[in-house]
Amino acid sequence: MATANPITVAPDTLAVMALELMEQNQRKPVTVLPVIDLANPEPRQLLGLLRLHDLVQAGFTTSPAAERP
């Protein structure tokens, strides 16, 4: 990763929570969120990537106004 201290999530993190982390980041916009294995913290093992575009395209949102009944 190009970032020294990237924001990461565990594999059991809900997609909506990951989306919220991406949208509310104060450092800079996050469009890709690494998913890492927290069971083995050193060395960090990358399990996958969550892309903001894919989450939005799948219909995830953090906005209450956009919730479906």
Protein backbone atom coordinates (compact mmCIF):
# COMPACT_ATOMS: atom_id res chain seq x y z
CA MET A 1 0.00 0.00 0.00
CA ALA A 2 1.21 3.50 -0.68
CA THR A 3 -0.18 4.89 2.58
CA ALA A 4 1.92 4.36 5.72
CA ASN A 5 -1.12 4.01 8.02
CA PRO A 6 -4.09 3.06 5.84
CA ILE A 7 -7.60 2.84 7.23
CA THR A 8 -8.50 -0.84 7.18
CA VAL A 9 -11.39 -3.10 8.13
CA ALA A 10 -11.76 -6.69 9.29
CA PRO A 11 -13.49 -9.31 7.13
CA ASP A 12 -16.54 -9.31 9.41
CA THR A 13 -17.15 -5.54 9.07
CA LEU A 14 -20.58 -4.74 7.67
CA ALA A 15 -20.50 -3.10 4.24
CA VAL A 16 -22.53 -0.12 5.46
CA MET A 17 -20.00 0.47 8.27
CA ALA A 18 -17.12 0.32 5.78
CA LEU A 19 -18.94 2.82 3.57
CA GLU A 20 -19.40 5.13 6.56
CA LEU A 21 -15.66 4.96 7.30
CA MET A 22 -14.90 5.91 3.70
CA GLU A 23 -17.34 8.82 3.60
CA GLN A 24 -16.46 10.31 6.99
CA ASN A 25 -12.67 10.15 6.76
CA GLN A 26 -11.15 13.49 7.79
CA ARG A 27 -7.62 12.90 6.44
CA LYS A 28 -8.53 12.58 2.76
CA PRO A 29 -11.15 10.88 0.59
CA VAL A 30 -11.06 7.07 0.73
CA THR A 31 -12.23 5.21 -2.35
CA VAL A 32 -10.58 1.84 -1.65
CA LEU A 33 -10.56 0.19 1.78
CA PRO A 34 -8.19 -2.72 2.47
CA VAL A 35 -9.66 -5.73 4.27
CA ILE A 36 -7.02 -7.30 6.50
CA ASP A 37 -6.70 -10.39 8.66
CA LEU A 38 -6.81 -9.13 12.26
CA ALA A 39 -6.16 -12.61 13.68
CA ASN A 40 -2.53 -12.31 12.55
CA PRO A 41 -1.61 -8.62 13.01
CA GLU A 42 2.07 -8.94 12.04
CA PRO A 43 2.66 -9.04 9.19
CA ARG A 44 -0.66 -7.66 8.01
CA GLN A 45 -2.24 -9.93 5.43
CA LEU A 46 -4.39 -8.32 2.78
CA LEU A 47 -7.56 -10.34 2.22
CA GLY A 48 -9.22 -8.05 -0.29
CA LEU A 49 -10.30 -4.53 -1.18
CA LEU A 50 -13.64 -2.77 -0.84
CA ARG A 51 -14.18 -0.13 -3.51
CA LEU A 52 -16.50 2.80 -2.83
CA HIS A 53 -17.87 2.54 -6.36
CA ASP A 54 -18.83 -1.12 -5.88
CA LEU A 55 -20.57 -0.45 -2.55
CA VAL A 56 -22.61 2.42 -3.99
CA GLN A 57 -23.41 0.45 -7.14
CA ALA A 58 -24.66 -2.42 -4.95
CA GLY A 59 -27.10 -0.01 -3.31
CA PHE A 60 -25.40 0.59 0.04
CA THR A 61 -25.88 4.02 1.58
CA THR A 62 -25.30 5.78 4.88
CA SER A 63 -27.97 8.39 4.22
CA PRO A 64 -31.24 7.73 6.11
CA ALA A 65 -33.18 9.57 3.39
CA ALA A 66 -32.08 7.01 0.82
CA GLU A 67 -33.27 3.99 2.80
CA ARG A 68 -35.90 1.82 1.21
CA PRO A 69 -39.07 0.86 3.12
